[in-house]
Structures are given as structure tokens and as C-alpha cells.
């Protein structure tokens, strides 16, 4: 599984969808797991972004299949980064000569 960091900025539509935040969170968790991914962490942020979600998914296509419908429903603007663990990064660097 690959790791992805999803940074989100909320909109008025996002906030309106959070009137029942526990139900929205449960819906999103199920939506993610139904597509073969896992939420490894979720954080409310202060600063440029409003939230960060760390996902493990088989590939970037799966993440897109998760984020596109959720963005359409909740209106958040996202930026997604693929992240590499220390071990993965060291393996990538090992190929450098």
C-alpha cells in the first residue's frame, strides 16, 4: 500500500456538510474502506490548510476515486502528496550512484 497525505481547505459547502460531523466522518471512513484504502490519521489544522488526512491506498487512482466524489459532495479543495517512509526513501536512494 502507498501512503498519501491529503491537505484540504474547507468551503462554505464543506462546513454545511459538517453540521453532523460524527455522521459525516463515519460516512467518509466507510467510503474510504469500501474502496480498499485506510485512513491512518486525520488532523484538524491551523494555518494554510484546515485538515490533513493520511491515507494508505493501493495506488493514486484509488485515491482519486475517493477524493473526487467527496470533493463534489462536500466542496473541499484538496492537494494530495504521495509520501514515502524512511525505508522506502532509503531504497530509492540506494539506486543512486
N, C-alpha and C. Protein backbone atom coordinates (compact mmCIF):
# COMPACT_ATOMS: atom_id res chain seq x y z
N UNK A 1 0.85 -1.18 0.00
CA UNK A 1 0.00 0.00 0.00
C UNK A 1 0.89 1.24 0.00
N UNK A 2 0.46 2.23 -0.72
CA UNK A 2 1.16 3.51 -0.78
C UNK A 2 0.53 4.48 0.22
N UNK A 3 1.30 5.46 0.65
CA UNK A 3 0.83 6.45 1.60
C UNK A 3 0.62 7.78 0.89
N UNK A 4 -0.49 8.43 1.20
CA UNK A 4 -0.82 9.72 0.61
C UNK A 4 -1.23 10.69 1.71
N UNK A 5 -0.77 11.92 1.59
CA UNK A 5 -1.16 12.99 2.51
C UNK A 5 -2.12 13.89 1.74
N UNK A 6 -3.32 14.04 2.26
CA UNK A 6 -4.33 14.88 1.62
C UNK A 6 -4.53 16.11 2.50
N UNK A 7 -4.22 17.27 1.94
CA UNK A 7 -4.41 18.55 2.61
C UNK A 7 -5.67 19.17 2.05
N UNK A 8 -6.53 19.69 2.91
CA UNK A 8 -7.80 20.24 2.43
C UNK A 8 -8.05 21.63 2.99
N UNK A 9 -8.67 22.45 2.13
CA UNK A 9 -9.19 23.76 2.53
C UNK A 9 -10.69 23.67 2.45
N UNK A 10 -11.36 24.07 3.50
CA UNK A 10 -12.81 23.97 3.55
C UNK A 10 -13.47 25.14 2.85
N UNK A 11 -14.69 24.90 2.39
CA UNK A 11 -15.53 25.93 1.79
C UNK A 11 -16.81 26.01 2.62
N UNK A 12 -17.68 26.92 2.25
CA UNK A 12 -18.98 27.01 2.93
C UNK A 12 -19.74 25.69 2.79
N UNK A 13 -19.61 25.05 1.62
CA UNK A 13 -20.28 23.76 1.38
C UNK A 13 -19.72 22.69 2.33
N UNK A 14 -18.41 22.73 2.56
CA UNK A 14 -17.78 21.78 3.48
C UNK A 14 -18.34 21.95 4.88
N UNK A 15 -18.39 23.18 5.32
CA UNK A 15 -18.88 23.45 6.68
C UNK A 15 -20.35 23.08 6.83
N UNK A 16 -21.15 23.33 5.79
CA UNK A 16 -22.57 22.95 5.85
C UNK A 16 -22.72 21.44 5.98
N UNK A 17 -21.84 20.69 5.33
CA UNK A 17 -21.88 19.23 5.39
C UNK A 17 -21.43 18.66 6.71
N UNK A 18 -20.86 19.51 7.57
CA UNK A 18 -20.34 19.05 8.86
C UNK A 18 -21.29 19.35 10.01
N UNK A 19 -22.51 19.71 9.71
CA UNK A 19 -23.46 20.00 10.79
C UNK A 19 -23.63 18.79 11.70
N UNK A 20 -23.51 17.60 11.12
CA UNK A 20 -23.50 16.37 11.91
C UNK A 20 -22.15 15.69 11.64
N UNK A 21 -21.10 16.27 12.23
CA UNK A 21 -19.73 15.82 11.96
C UNK A 21 -19.51 14.34 12.24
N UNK A 22 -20.03 13.76 13.33
CA UNK A 22 -19.80 12.33 13.55
C UNK A 22 -20.36 11.46 12.43
N UNK A 23 -21.55 11.79 11.93
CA UNK A 23 -22.13 11.01 10.84
C UNK A 23 -21.34 11.19 9.55
N UNK A 24 -20.89 12.43 9.28
CA UNK A 24 -20.08 12.68 8.08
C UNK A 24 -18.76 11.92 8.16
N UNK A 25 -18.13 11.91 9.32
CA UNK A 25 -16.87 11.19 9.49
C UNK A 25 -17.07 9.69 9.28
N UNK A 26 -18.13 9.14 9.84
CA UNK A 26 -18.41 7.70 9.67
C UNK A 26 -18.66 7.38 8.19
N UNK A 27 -19.40 8.25 7.51
CA UNK A 27 -19.67 8.04 6.09
C UNK A 27 -18.37 8.05 5.28
N UNK A 28 -17.50 9.00 5.58
CA UNK A 28 -16.22 9.10 4.84
C UNK A 28 -15.34 7.89 5.11
N UNK A 29 -15.27 7.45 6.37
CA UNK A 29 -14.46 6.27 6.70
C UNK A 29 -14.95 5.04 5.94
N UNK A 30 -16.25 4.85 5.88
CA UNK A 30 -16.81 3.71 5.15
C UNK A 30 -16.53 3.85 3.65
N UNK A 31 -16.67 5.06 3.12
CA UNK A 31 -16.41 5.31 1.70
C UNK A 31 -14.97 4.94 1.36
N UNK A 32 -14.04 5.31 2.22
CA UNK A 32 -12.62 5.02 2.00
C UNK A 32 -12.36 3.51 2.08
N UNK A 33 -12.85 2.86 3.12
CA UNK A 33 -12.58 1.43 3.28
C UNK A 33 -13.27 0.59 2.21
N UNK A 34 -14.44 1.05 1.75
CA UNK A 34 -15.14 0.33 0.67
C UNK A 34 -14.33 0.33 -0.62
N UNK A 35 -13.37 1.24 -0.75
CA UNK A 35 -12.54 1.32 -1.95
C UNK A 35 -11.16 0.72 -1.72
N UNK A 36 -10.99 0.01 -0.63
CA UNK A 36 -9.74 -0.71 -0.38
C UNK A 36 -8.63 0.14 0.20
N UNK A 37 -8.96 1.29 0.77
CA UNK A 37 -7.96 2.16 1.38
C UNK A 37 -8.24 2.26 2.88
N UNK A 38 -7.31 2.91 3.59
CA UNK A 38 -7.46 3.09 5.04
C UNK A 38 -7.06 4.51 5.42
N UNK A 39 -7.79 5.08 6.36
CA UNK A 39 -7.39 6.35 6.95
C UNK A 39 -6.45 6.02 8.10
N UNK A 40 -5.20 6.47 7.99
CA UNK A 40 -4.21 6.19 9.03
C UNK A 40 -4.16 7.31 10.06
N UNK A 41 -4.64 8.49 9.68
CA UNK A 41 -4.66 9.61 10.60
C UNK A 41 -5.47 10.76 10.01
N UNK A 42 -6.10 11.52 10.88
CA UNK A 42 -6.84 12.71 10.44
C UNK A 42 -6.58 13.79 11.46
N UNK A 43 -6.27 14.99 10.96
CA UNK A 43 -5.91 16.09 11.84
C UNK A 43 -6.60 17.38 11.40
N UNK A 44 -7.12 18.11 12.36
CA UNK A 44 -7.60 19.46 12.14
C UNK A 44 -6.37 20.35 12.22
N UNK A 45 -6.23 21.28 11.28
CA UNK A 45 -5.03 22.11 11.21
C UNK A 45 -5.35 23.58 11.46
N UNK A 46 -4.34 24.31 11.84
CA UNK A 46 -4.42 25.76 11.96
C UNK A 46 -3.39 26.30 10.97
N UNK A 47 -3.82 27.17 10.08
CA UNK A 47 -2.89 27.72 9.11
C UNK A 47 -3.45 27.67 7.70
N UNK A 48 -2.60 27.41 6.74
CA UNK A 48 -2.98 27.45 5.33
C UNK A 48 -4.05 26.42 4.97
N UNK A 49 -4.02 25.27 5.62
CA UNK A 49 -4.99 24.20 5.36
C UNK A 49 -5.84 23.98 6.60
N UNK A 50 -7.04 23.45 6.39
CA UNK A 50 -7.97 23.22 7.50
C UNK A 50 -7.88 21.80 8.05
N UNK A 51 -7.51 20.85 7.21
CA UNK A 51 -7.40 19.47 7.68
C UNK A 51 -6.35 18.71 6.88
N UNK A 52 -5.88 17.63 7.48
CA UNK A 52 -4.94 16.72 6.82
C UNK A 52 -5.40 15.30 7.10
N UNK A 53 -5.43 14.51 6.06
CA UNK A 53 -5.77 13.09 6.18
C UNK A 53 -4.63 12.28 5.61
N UNK A 54 -4.20 11.27 6.33
CA UNK A 54 -3.16 10.37 5.84
C UNK A 54 -3.87 9.08 5.44
N UNK A 55 -3.76 8.76 4.16
CA UNK A 55 -4.41 7.58 3.60
C UNK A 55 -3.37 6.55 3.19
N UNK A 56 -3.73 5.29 3.33
CA UNK A 56 -2.98 4.20 2.69
C UNK A 56 -3.92 3.63 1.64
N UNK A 57 -3.42 3.55 0.41
CA UNK A 57 -4.23 3.07 -0.70
C UNK A 57 -3.35 2.28 -1.65
N UNK A 58 -3.96 1.42 -2.46
CA UNK A 58 -3.16 0.63 -3.40
C UNK A 58 -2.42 1.48 -4.43
N UNK A 59 -3.02 2.63 -4.81
CA UNK A 59 -2.41 3.46 -5.86
C UNK A 59 -3.09 4.83 -5.90
N UNK A 60 -2.54 5.70 -6.73
CA UNK A 60 -3.08 7.06 -6.85
C UNK A 60 -4.48 7.06 -7.46
N UNK A 61 -4.76 6.13 -8.34
CA UNK A 61 -6.09 6.05 -8.94
C UNK A 61 -7.16 5.82 -7.88
N UNK A 62 -6.87 4.97 -6.91
CA UNK A 62 -7.81 4.72 -5.83
C UNK A 62 -8.06 5.98 -5.03
N UNK A 63 -7.01 6.74 -4.76
CA UNK A 63 -7.15 7.99 -4.02
C UNK A 63 -8.03 8.95 -4.82
N UNK A 64 -7.82 9.04 -6.13
CA UNK A 64 -8.66 9.90 -6.96
C UNK A 64 -10.12 9.46 -6.92
N UNK A 65 -10.35 8.14 -6.93
CA UNK A 65 -11.72 7.61 -6.87
C UNK A 65 -12.39 7.92 -5.52
N UNK A 66 -11.59 8.18 -4.52
CA UNK A 66 -12.11 8.57 -3.21
C UNK A 66 -12.34 10.08 -3.16
N UNK A 67 -11.35 10.84 -3.57
CA UNK A 67 -11.40 12.29 -3.38
C UNK A 67 -12.36 13.01 -4.33
N UNK A 68 -12.47 12.57 -5.55
CA UNK A 68 -13.34 13.28 -6.50
C UNK A 68 -14.80 13.29 -6.03
N UNK A 69 -15.39 12.13 -5.69
CA UNK A 69 -16.78 12.17 -5.21
C UNK A 69 -16.95 12.93 -3.89
N UNK A 70 -15.97 12.80 -2.98
CA UNK A 70 -16.08 13.51 -1.71
C UNK A 70 -15.97 15.02 -1.90
N UNK A 71 -15.10 15.45 -2.82
CA UNK A 71 -14.99 16.88 -3.11
C UNK A 71 -16.28 17.40 -3.73
N UNK A 72 -16.89 16.60 -4.60
CA UNK A 72 -18.15 17.00 -5.21
C UNK A 72 -19.25 17.14 -4.15
N UNK A 73 -19.26 16.24 -3.18
CA UNK A 73 -20.30 16.27 -2.15
C UNK A 73 -20.06 17.35 -1.10
N UNK A 74 -18.80 17.47 -0.64
CA UNK A 74 -18.51 18.35 0.48
C UNK A 74 -17.82 19.66 0.09
N UNK A 75 -17.34 19.76 -1.14
CA UNK A 75 -16.80 21.02 -1.63
C UNK A 75 -15.41 21.40 -1.17
N UNK A 76 -14.69 20.53 -0.49
CA UNK A 76 -13.34 20.88 -0.05
C UNK A 76 -12.40 20.94 -1.25
N UNK A 77 -11.40 21.80 -1.15
CA UNK A 77 -10.34 21.91 -2.14
C UNK A 77 -9.14 21.15 -1.58
N UNK A 78 -8.63 20.19 -2.33
CA UNK A 78 -7.56 19.34 -1.79
C UNK A 78 -6.27 19.43 -2.58
N UNK A 79 -5.20 19.12 -1.90
CA UNK A 79 -3.88 18.94 -2.50
C UNK A 79 -3.38 17.61 -1.95
N UNK A 80 -2.97 16.72 -2.84
CA UNK A 80 -2.58 15.38 -2.43
C UNK A 80 -1.12 15.13 -2.76
N UNK A 81 -0.40 14.57 -1.79
CA UNK A 81 1.02 14.26 -1.94
C UNK A 81 1.23 12.78 -1.67
N UNK A 82 2.04 12.13 -2.48
CA UNK A 82 2.43 10.76 -2.13
C UNK A 82 3.61 10.86 -1.17
N UNK A 83 3.57 10.08 -0.12
CA UNK A 83 4.62 10.11 0.90
C UNK A 83 5.35 8.78 0.92
N UNK A 84 6.64 8.84 1.19
CA UNK A 84 7.47 7.64 1.26
C UNK A 84 8.05 7.53 2.67
N UNK A 85 7.97 6.34 3.24
CA UNK A 85 8.54 6.10 4.56
C UNK A 85 10.07 6.21 4.48
N UNK A 86 10.70 6.22 5.62
CA UNK A 86 12.17 6.26 5.65
C UNK A 86 12.74 5.06 4.89
N UNK A 87 12.20 3.87 5.13
CA UNK A 87 12.71 2.67 4.46
C UNK A 87 12.51 2.76 2.94
N UNK A 88 11.35 3.24 2.53
CA UNK A 88 11.09 3.39 1.09
C UNK A 88 12.03 4.42 0.46
N UNK A 89 12.26 5.52 1.18
CA UNK A 89 13.15 6.55 0.67
C UNK A 89 14.59 6.04 0.56
N UNK A 90 15.05 5.30 1.58
CA UNK A 90 16.40 4.77 1.54
C UNK A 90 16.57 3.78 0.39
N UNK A 91 15.53 2.99 0.11
CA UNK A 91 15.60 2.07 -1.03
C UNK A 91 15.69 2.84 -2.34
N UNK A 92 14.96 3.95 -2.43
CA UNK A 92 15.07 4.79 -3.64
C UNK A 92 16.45 5.39 -3.78
N UNK A 93 17.01 5.87 -2.66
CA UNK A 93 18.33 6.47 -2.69
C UNK A 93 19.42 5.46 -2.97
N UNK A 94 19.19 4.21 -2.62
CA UNK A 94 20.19 3.16 -2.81
C UNK A 94 20.51 2.98 -4.29
N UNK A 95 19.60 3.31 -5.16
CA UNK A 95 19.82 3.17 -6.59
C UNK A 95 20.66 4.29 -7.19
N UNK A 96 20.97 5.31 -6.40
CA UNK A 96 21.76 6.43 -6.90
C UNK A 96 23.23 6.09 -6.85
N UNK A 97 23.94 6.43 -7.87
CA UNK A 97 25.40 6.19 -7.90
C UNK A 97 26.12 7.49 -8.16
